[in-house]
Amino acid sequence: MVALFWVCAMLLLLNWAIYPLALYLMSRFVRQPVFRDPETWPPVSVLISARNEEAFIAARLSNLLESDYAGPLEILVGSDVSEDATDSIVSGFSADNRVMLFRSEGRVGKSHMLQLLAERASGEIFVFTDGDTIFRPDTLTELVRPFTDPAVGMVDGNRRNSLEDETCESVYWKYEKWIRAQLSRLGTVLGATGAVYALRRSSFHPLGIQRSDDFELGVMVRMTGWRAVFNPGAVAVEPAPDDYRQFQRMARIISWMCSSGVIMFFMALGRGRIGLALQLFVHKFIRWVTAILLVLLTISAGVLWAIPFYRIIFLLLTAFHVLAAAGLALRDVLPGKLLFPFYFWLMSLSTAWGVIRAIAGRPSRTWERSEEMKA
C-alpha cells in the first residue's frame, strides 16, 4: 500500500504541480512572442463540419462574413448527411461566392469531413471552427497574425462560454489557458481548441484517412517540426452545455483521443522527439486517469491510517471529496470557488470514463446534437 500511495501521489504531483512549475520556469527564459501584421494577408479557408446545425448555422456564417479580416476569405461547410434544414440554409448564402456547401453521400464523421473540406480548400491558412461558435470581428485576423513567424505551424485560439453560469469547463479552461500561455512562449502548445484554431496548409498532416480532429492535428504540427502557439486575442464564444451534457461530451472526446495519444506517443519516440512523448505522457495520459489515481490514493492512505502522515492525507482527501459532493447538491447556492472540487471531479470522472470506453473498444467517432442543444 505504501508503494501504491507514492506511485499515485508522484504521478498526480507530476501532472498538477511539477509540470506547471517547470513550464513556468522554462518560459521565463523565453521572450514572449510578438504577433505582427503581415505585409500581405494570406488567403484563408474556414472549414466547418456540420451535422444538423439548423439552429446555429445561419448565425455562424453571417458572423464569419462580417469578420474584419483584410485578406481573401472562403467558408467551406461540410454537411455530414444533415437531416434538418442545414443544407438549405447554407445554400441560401450562395449569393456570396465565399460560402460553399459540400454534402457527403453517407455518414463520415467530423474528422473525415474536415479532410474532405481541406482537399477542396484554396487558402494558405486553414481555420477550423464549429457550427455553433461565434467569433469576435477580429478573431480571424488574430488567428492569422502569428503566422508571420515562418516557424509557426499552428495557432490556437481562446474559447469562452457564452453563458454567464460557470460550468466545469470554464473553471478547467482558466487553468488550461494559463498552461497554454506558458507553452506558447516555448512554441510547444499541445493539441488545439476545436472551436477556434488555425493551421498552415503545409502543416496539415492527418494521422490517417479518417483521423483529423483538433488534438491530432495540433500534435502532428509539433511532430513535423513546426512551432505551435496560443493567441488569447483570437476569441470564440460557444454555448455552454450543462454539467450532464458536458460529462458526456468530454467522455466522447477522450474516448477518441486515447488511441490518438498512444499512436502519437510511440510515433514521437520513433522519431526521436522525446520531449513531445514526455509531454503527451504528463500533460495528457496522467490527466486522463486523474480520477482513478485519486481513488487509489485515498484508499491507500485510508489503509495506512495508523501512520499519522497518511492519516492527515486521508482526511484532507476526504474533505476534498466531501466538498465535491456538496457542490453536486448545492451548486446553485455555493460560490464559484467552493465549487472547484465538484468541477474538478466532474472533469476527472468524464475523462476517466472516456478512457474506459476506449479500452472497452467503444470510442465515439460520430456525434449527434441533442434536442436540448438544438433549442
Protein backbone atom coordinates (compact mmCIF):
# COMPACT_ATOMS: atom_id res chain seq x y z
CA MET A 1 0.00 0.00 0.00
CA VAL A 2 2.89 2.36 0.67
CA ALA A 3 4.20 1.79 -2.86
CA LEU A 4 0.73 2.30 -4.36
CA PHE A 5 0.29 5.52 -2.38
CA TRP A 6 3.57 7.02 -3.54
CA VAL A 7 3.18 5.98 -7.18
CA CYS A 8 -0.24 7.65 -7.31
CA ALA A 9 0.96 10.69 -5.36
CA MET A 10 4.01 11.24 -7.59
CA LEU A 11 2.02 10.89 -10.79
CA LEU A 12 -0.55 13.43 -9.57
CA LEU A 13 2.16 15.81 -8.40
CA LEU A 14 3.96 15.43 -11.72
CA ASN A 15 0.90 16.47 -13.69
CA TRP A 16 -0.68 19.08 -11.44
CA ALA A 17 2.37 20.68 -9.75
CA ILE A 18 5.78 19.78 -11.17
CA TYR A 19 4.78 20.11 -14.83
CA PRO A 20 3.14 23.56 -14.48
CA LEU A 21 6.05 24.80 -12.37
CA ALA A 22 8.59 23.54 -14.91
CA LEU A 23 6.70 25.23 -17.74
CA TYR A 24 6.58 28.49 -15.83
CA LEU A 25 10.30 28.45 -15.06
CA MET A 26 11.32 27.49 -18.60
CA SER A 27 9.05 30.08 -20.17
CA ARG A 28 10.68 32.84 -18.09
CA PHE A 29 13.83 32.42 -20.16
CA VAL A 30 12.00 32.82 -23.46
CA ARG A 31 10.76 36.13 -24.82
CA GLN A 32 7.00 36.49 -25.15
CA PRO A 33 6.11 36.03 -28.85
CA VAL A 34 5.08 39.22 -30.64
CA PHE A 35 2.34 38.79 -33.22
CA ARG A 36 2.74 41.25 -36.12
CA ASP A 37 0.62 42.09 -39.14
CA PRO A 38 1.88 40.53 -42.39
CA GLU A 39 2.67 42.73 -45.39
CA THR A 40 0.00 40.85 -47.33
CA TRP A 41 -2.81 38.97 -45.61
CA PRO A 42 -2.89 35.38 -46.95
CA PRO A 43 -6.00 33.64 -48.30
CA VAL A 44 -7.94 31.92 -45.52
CA SER A 45 -10.24 28.90 -45.77
CA VAL A 46 -12.66 28.39 -42.87
CA LEU A 47 -13.63 24.71 -42.52
CA ILE A 48 -16.86 23.74 -40.75
CA SER A 49 -18.04 20.16 -40.35
CA ALA A 50 -21.80 20.35 -39.74
CA ARG A 51 -24.40 17.81 -38.68
CA ASN A 52 -27.96 19.07 -38.07
CA GLU A 53 -26.94 22.67 -37.30
CA GLU A 54 -30.09 24.45 -38.47
CA ALA A 55 -30.40 26.35 -35.18
CA PHE A 56 -26.92 27.87 -35.47
CA ILE A 57 -25.50 27.75 -38.99
CA ALA A 58 -27.05 30.96 -40.32
CA ALA A 59 -25.67 32.98 -37.44
CA ARG A 60 -22.33 31.20 -37.81
CA LEU A 61 -21.99 32.11 -41.49
CA SER A 62 -23.18 35.69 -41.00
CA ASN A 63 -20.70 36.10 -38.18
CA LEU A 64 -17.79 34.90 -40.35
CA LEU A 65 -18.82 37.02 -43.32
CA GLU A 66 -18.88 40.09 -41.04
CA SER A 67 -15.28 39.48 -39.98
CA ASP A 68 -12.82 42.35 -40.41
CA TYR A 69 -10.22 40.06 -41.99
CA ALA A 70 -8.43 42.01 -44.73
CA GLY A 71 -7.37 39.08 -46.92
CA PRO A 72 -9.25 36.70 -49.24
CA LEU A 73 -11.74 34.53 -47.36
CA GLU A 74 -13.72 31.41 -48.23
CA ILE A 75 -16.02 29.35 -45.99
CA LEU A 76 -16.50 25.66 -46.68
CA VAL A 77 -19.36 23.88 -44.89
CA GLY A 78 -19.38 20.10 -44.96
CA SER A 79 -22.80 18.66 -44.23
CA ASP A 80 -22.46 15.16 -42.78
CA VAL A 81 -25.81 13.99 -44.18
CA SER A 82 -27.72 16.57 -42.16
CA GLU A 83 -31.38 15.63 -41.77
CA ASP A 84 -32.70 19.10 -40.94
CA ALA A 85 -32.61 22.42 -42.82
CA THR A 86 -28.83 22.87 -42.53
CA ASP A 87 -28.18 22.36 -46.25
CA SER A 88 -30.90 24.71 -47.44
CA ILE A 89 -29.78 27.41 -45.00
CA VAL A 90 -26.19 27.21 -46.21
CA SER A 91 -27.39 27.19 -49.83
CA GLY A 92 -29.25 30.41 -49.05
CA PHE A 93 -25.86 32.10 -48.75
CA SER A 94 -24.94 31.10 -52.31
CA ALA A 95 -25.24 34.71 -53.48
CA ASP A 96 -21.99 35.29 -51.60
CA ASN A 97 -19.46 33.24 -53.55
CA ARG A 98 -17.28 32.97 -50.45
CA VAL A 99 -19.64 30.34 -48.99
CA MET A 100 -19.59 26.79 -50.36
CA LEU A 101 -21.58 23.71 -49.33
CA PHE A 102 -20.36 20.14 -49.62
CA ARG A 103 -22.63 17.24 -48.63
CA SER A 104 -21.28 13.75 -48.06
CA GLU A 105 -23.16 10.81 -49.51
CA GLY A 106 -23.03 8.90 -46.21
CA ARG A 107 -22.01 9.49 -42.60
CA VAL A 108 -18.27 10.10 -42.49
CA GLY A 109 -17.80 11.79 -39.10
CA LYS A 110 -16.27 15.14 -38.29
CA SER A 111 -12.64 14.12 -38.73
CA HIS A 112 -13.01 12.68 -42.22
CA MET A 113 -15.25 15.56 -43.25
CA LEU A 114 -12.51 18.05 -42.37
CA GLN A 115 -10.13 16.20 -44.65
CA LEU A 116 -12.64 16.30 -47.49
CA LEU A 117 -13.05 20.03 -46.99
CA ALA A 118 -9.27 20.58 -46.83
CA GLU A 119 -8.93 18.89 -50.23
CA ARG A 120 -11.36 21.44 -51.68
CA ALA A 121 -9.97 24.49 -49.89
CA SER A 122 -7.78 27.01 -51.70
CA GLY A 123 -6.45 29.06 -48.77
CA GLU A 124 -2.90 29.15 -47.42
CA ILE A 125 -4.32 29.13 -43.89
CA PHE A 126 -6.99 26.71 -42.70
CA VAL A 127 -9.21 27.96 -39.86
CA PHE A 128 -11.19 25.30 -38.01
CA THR A 129 -14.37 26.09 -36.10
CA ASP A 130 -17.77 24.66 -35.18
CA GLY A 131 -21.25 25.40 -36.44
CA ASP A 132 -22.46 26.81 -33.12
CA THR A 133 -19.46 29.06 -32.45
CA ILE A 134 -19.27 32.85 -32.74
CA PHE A 135 -16.05 34.77 -33.42
CA ARG A 136 -15.23 38.32 -32.46
CA PRO A 137 -14.82 40.52 -35.57
CA ASP A 138 -11.02 40.38 -35.24
CA THR A 139 -10.67 36.66 -34.44
CA LEU A 140 -9.67 35.60 -37.96
CA THR A 141 -7.11 38.40 -38.01
CA GLU A 142 -5.74 37.30 -34.64
CA LEU A 143 -5.53 33.68 -35.79
CA VAL A 144 -3.55 34.62 -38.90
CA ARG A 145 -1.21 37.23 -37.39
CA PRO A 146 1.21 34.77 -35.66
CA PHE A 147 1.90 33.07 -38.99
CA THR A 148 4.21 35.98 -39.85
CA ASP A 149 6.73 33.82 -37.96
CA PRO A 150 7.65 31.23 -40.64
CA ALA A 151 8.32 28.61 -37.94
CA VAL A 152 4.71 28.71 -36.65
CA GLY A 153 2.52 25.93 -37.99
CA MET A 154 -0.49 26.22 -35.67
CA VAL A 155 -2.25 29.00 -33.79
CA ASP A 156 -4.65 28.02 -31.04
CA GLY A 157 -7.45 30.37 -30.04
CA ASN A 158 -9.26 31.37 -26.87
CA ARG A 159 -12.61 29.65 -26.38
CA ARG A 160 -15.08 31.20 -23.97
CA ASN A 161 -18.53 30.12 -22.81
CA SER A 162 -21.36 32.31 -23.96
CA LEU A 163 -23.41 31.70 -20.81
CA GLU A 164 -22.79 33.59 -17.58
CA ASP A 165 -23.14 30.47 -15.43
CA GLU A 166 -19.83 28.88 -14.53
CA THR A 167 -19.51 25.31 -15.77
CA CYS A 168 -16.93 22.63 -15.14
CA GLU A 169 -15.23 23.51 -18.40
CA SER A 170 -14.97 27.23 -17.66
CA VAL A 171 -13.14 26.51 -14.39
CA TYR A 172 -10.92 23.98 -16.10
CA TRP A 173 -10.31 26.34 -19.02
CA LYS A 174 -8.88 29.07 -16.78
CA TYR A 175 -6.15 26.65 -15.73
CA GLU A 176 -5.73 25.33 -19.27
CA LYS A 177 -5.34 28.84 -20.69
CA TRP A 178 -2.57 29.58 -18.20
CA ILE A 179 -0.81 26.35 -19.22
CA ARG A 180 -1.19 27.23 -22.90
CA ALA A 181 0.22 30.69 -22.31
CA GLN A 182 3.39 29.14 -20.85
CA LEU A 183 3.58 26.59 -23.67
CA SER A 184 3.07 29.33 -26.27
CA ARG A 185 6.26 31.06 -25.18
CA LEU A 186 8.07 27.80 -25.89
CA GLY A 187 6.17 27.13 -29.13
CA THR A 188 5.01 23.81 -27.68
CA VAL A 189 1.21 24.09 -27.35
CA LEU A 190 -0.12 20.51 -27.31
CA GLY A 191 -3.24 19.97 -29.37
CA ALA A 192 -5.79 22.60 -30.33
CA THR A 193 -9.17 24.01 -29.32
CA GLY A 194 -11.70 22.62 -31.77
CA ALA A 195 -13.86 25.76 -31.83
CA VAL A 196 -11.05 28.12 -32.86
CA TYR A 197 -7.63 27.25 -34.28
CA ALA A 198 -5.68 27.62 -37.50
CA LEU A 199 -3.04 25.65 -39.42
CA ARG A 200 -0.86 26.37 -42.38
CA ARG A 201 -1.89 24.29 -45.37
CA SER A 202 1.61 22.78 -45.33
CA SER A 203 1.30 21.80 -41.64
CA PHE A 204 -1.99 19.92 -42.14
CA HIS A 205 -0.96 16.30 -41.55
CA PRO A 206 -3.79 13.94 -40.52
CA LEU A 207 -2.80 10.64 -38.95
CA GLY A 208 -5.00 8.70 -41.37
CA ILE A 209 -7.88 8.90 -43.82
CA GLN A 210 -10.46 9.15 -41.03
CA ARG A 211 -8.34 10.91 -38.42
CA SER A 212 -8.02 14.70 -38.30
CA ASP A 213 -9.51 16.06 -35.10
CA ASP A 214 -8.15 19.09 -33.26
CA PHE A 215 -5.97 17.10 -30.86
CA GLU A 216 -4.30 15.02 -33.56
CA LEU A 217 -3.78 17.87 -35.99
CA GLY A 218 -2.31 20.04 -33.24
CA VAL A 219 0.14 17.36 -32.10
CA MET A 220 1.12 16.45 -35.67
CA VAL A 221 2.15 20.07 -36.20
CA ARG A 222 4.71 19.56 -33.43
CA MET A 223 5.61 16.10 -34.73
CA THR A 224 6.56 17.56 -38.12
CA GLY A 225 8.79 20.26 -36.63
CA TRP A 226 6.54 23.34 -36.55
CA ARG A 227 6.00 25.65 -33.60
CA ALA A 228 2.52 25.77 -32.05
CA VAL A 229 1.39 28.94 -30.25
CA PHE A 230 -1.64 30.28 -28.40
CA ASN A 231 -3.12 33.69 -29.15
CA PRO A 232 -5.62 34.73 -26.41
CA GLY A 233 -6.79 37.55 -28.69
CA ALA A 234 -8.39 35.05 -31.07
CA VAL A 235 -11.65 34.78 -29.14
CA ALA A 236 -14.51 32.41 -29.88
CA VAL A 237 -17.75 32.00 -27.95
CA GLU A 238 -19.81 28.83 -27.93
CA PRO A 239 -22.83 27.59 -25.95
CA ALA A 240 -22.03 26.12 -22.54
CA PRO A 241 -23.62 22.70 -22.03
CA ASP A 242 -25.00 21.78 -18.63
CA ASP A 243 -22.95 19.50 -16.40
CA TYR A 244 -24.53 16.26 -17.62
CA ARG A 245 -24.01 17.03 -21.31
CA GLN A 246 -20.52 18.32 -20.52
CA PHE A 247 -19.70 14.99 -18.89
CA GLN A 248 -20.96 13.09 -21.93
CA ARG A 249 -19.13 15.42 -24.30
CA MET A 250 -15.78 15.08 -22.53
CA ALA A 251 -16.13 11.29 -22.27
CA ARG A 252 -16.85 11.12 -26.01
CA ILE A 253 -13.85 13.31 -26.85
CA ILE A 254 -11.42 11.43 -24.61
CA SER A 255 -12.62 8.03 -25.84
CA TRP A 256 -11.46 9.11 -29.30
CA MET A 257 -8.30 10.91 -28.14
CA CYS A 258 -6.90 7.94 -26.20
CA SER A 259 -5.98 5.90 -29.26
CA SER A 260 -4.64 9.06 -30.92
CA GLY A 261 -2.45 9.80 -27.92
CA VAL A 262 -0.99 6.28 -27.84
CA ILE A 263 -0.30 6.31 -31.60
CA MET A 264 1.44 9.68 -31.45
CA PHE A 265 3.34 8.81 -28.26
CA PHE A 266 5.08 5.89 -29.96
CA MET A 267 5.44 7.90 -33.16
CA ALA A 268 7.24 10.63 -31.22
CA LEU A 269 9.54 8.06 -29.62
CA GLY A 270 10.26 6.54 -33.03
CA ARG A 271 11.16 9.94 -34.48
CA GLY A 272 13.38 10.84 -31.55
CA ARG A 273 11.02 13.55 -30.26
CA ILE A 274 11.46 12.55 -26.63
CA GLY A 275 10.23 15.90 -25.29
CA LEU A 276 6.95 15.58 -27.18
CA ALA A 277 6.48 11.99 -25.99
CA LEU A 278 7.14 13.04 -22.40
CA GLN A 279 4.71 15.94 -22.74
CA LEU A 280 1.99 13.62 -24.05
CA PHE A 281 2.52 11.31 -21.08
CA VAL A 282 2.49 14.05 -18.44
CA HIS A 283 0.05 16.53 -19.94
CA LYS A 284 -2.47 14.06 -21.33
CA PHE A 285 -2.13 10.47 -20.14
CA ILE A 286 -1.82 11.26 -16.44
CA ARG A 287 -4.60 13.84 -16.58
CA TRP A 288 -6.95 11.37 -18.26
CA VAL A 289 -6.59 8.93 -15.32
CA THR A 290 -6.57 11.52 -12.52
CA ALA A 291 -9.86 10.23 -11.09
CA ILE A 292 -8.50 6.68 -10.87
CA LEU A 293 -5.29 7.89 -9.24
CA LEU A 294 -7.24 9.94 -6.70
CA VAL A 295 -9.41 6.97 -5.72
CA LEU A 296 -6.37 4.72 -5.31
CA LEU A 297 -4.54 7.43 -3.36
CA THR A 298 -7.47 7.83 -0.97
CA ILE A 299 -7.89 4.10 -0.46
CA SER A 300 -4.18 3.52 0.17
CA ALA A 301 -4.00 6.45 2.60
CA GLY A 302 -7.03 5.07 4.45
CA VAL A 303 -5.47 1.62 4.75
CA LEU A 304 -2.36 3.28 6.20
CA TRP A 305 -4.48 5.25 8.71
CA ALA A 306 -2.37 4.13 11.68
CA ILE A 307 0.57 6.23 10.45
CA PRO A 308 -0.03 9.95 11.23
CA PHE A 309 1.24 11.25 7.86
CA TYR A 310 -1.13 9.06 5.85
CA ARG A 311 -3.98 9.81 8.26
CA ILE A 312 -3.60 13.54 7.55
CA ILE A 313 -3.53 12.95 3.79
CA PHE A 314 -6.61 10.74 4.03
CA LEU A 315 -8.52 13.40 5.98
CA LEU A 316 -7.53 16.12 3.51
CA LEU A 317 -8.57 13.99 0.55
CA THR A 318 -11.84 13.07 2.25
CA ALA A 319 -12.58 16.75 2.88
CA PHE A 320 -11.97 17.46 -0.82
CA HIS A 321 -14.34 14.66 -1.84
CA VAL A 322 -17.00 15.88 0.62
CA LEU A 323 -16.75 19.38 -0.86
CA ALA A 324 -17.20 17.86 -4.30
CA ALA A 325 -20.34 16.05 -3.13
CA ALA A 326 -21.62 19.27 -1.55
CA GLY A 327 -21.02 21.05 -4.85
CA LEU A 328 -23.13 18.45 -6.62
CA ALA A 329 -26.00 19.02 -4.20
CA LEU A 330 -25.61 22.80 -3.76
CA ARG A 331 -24.05 24.04 -6.99
CA ASP A 332 -26.79 26.65 -7.38
CA VAL A 333 -26.03 28.03 -3.90
CA LEU A 334 -22.30 27.76 -3.25
CA PRO A 335 -19.89 30.45 -4.56
CA GLY A 336 -17.75 29.56 -7.55
CA LYS A 337 -14.52 28.94 -5.66
CA LEU A 338 -16.14 26.36 -3.39
CA LEU A 339 -17.44 24.55 -6.46
CA PHE A 340 -13.94 23.83 -7.71
CA PRO A 341 -13.77 20.31 -6.11
CA PHE A 342 -17.06 19.39 -7.80
CA TYR A 343 -15.96 20.66 -11.20
CA PHE A 344 -12.53 19.05 -10.80
CA TRP A 345 -14.15 15.70 -10.05
CA LEU A 346 -16.68 16.07 -12.86
CA MET A 347 -13.91 16.74 -15.38
CA SER A 348 -11.72 13.95 -13.98
CA LEU A 349 -14.53 11.39 -13.97
CA SER A 350 -15.57 12.26 -17.52
CA THR A 351 -12.03 11.78 -18.82
CA ALA A 352 -11.63 8.52 -16.88
CA TRP A 353 -14.92 7.26 -18.33
CA GLY A 354 -13.63 8.17 -21.79
CA VAL A 355 -10.50 6.09 -21.15
CA ILE A 356 -12.63 3.15 -20.01
CA ARG A 357 -14.77 3.41 -23.15
CA ALA A 358 -11.65 3.42 -25.29
CA ILE A 359 -10.22 0.36 -23.53
CA ALA A 360 -13.57 -1.40 -23.91
CA GLY A 361 -13.43 -0.72 -27.63
CA ARG A 362 -16.31 1.76 -27.73
CA PRO A 363 -14.77 5.10 -28.79
CA SER A 364 -17.08 7.64 -30.44
CA ARG A 365 -16.27 8.70 -33.98
CA THR A 366 -19.50 10.48 -34.85
CA TRP A 367 -21.90 12.51 -32.77
CA GLU A 368 -25.45 13.73 -32.73
CA ARG A 369 -26.58 17.11 -31.45
CA SER A 370 -29.04 16.58 -28.62
CA GLU A 371 -32.50 18.07 -28.78
CA GLU A 372 -31.67 20.30 -25.79
CA MET A 373 -28.70 21.80 -27.62
CA LYS A 374 -30.79 22.39 -30.73
CA ALA A 375 -33.22 24.55 -28.80
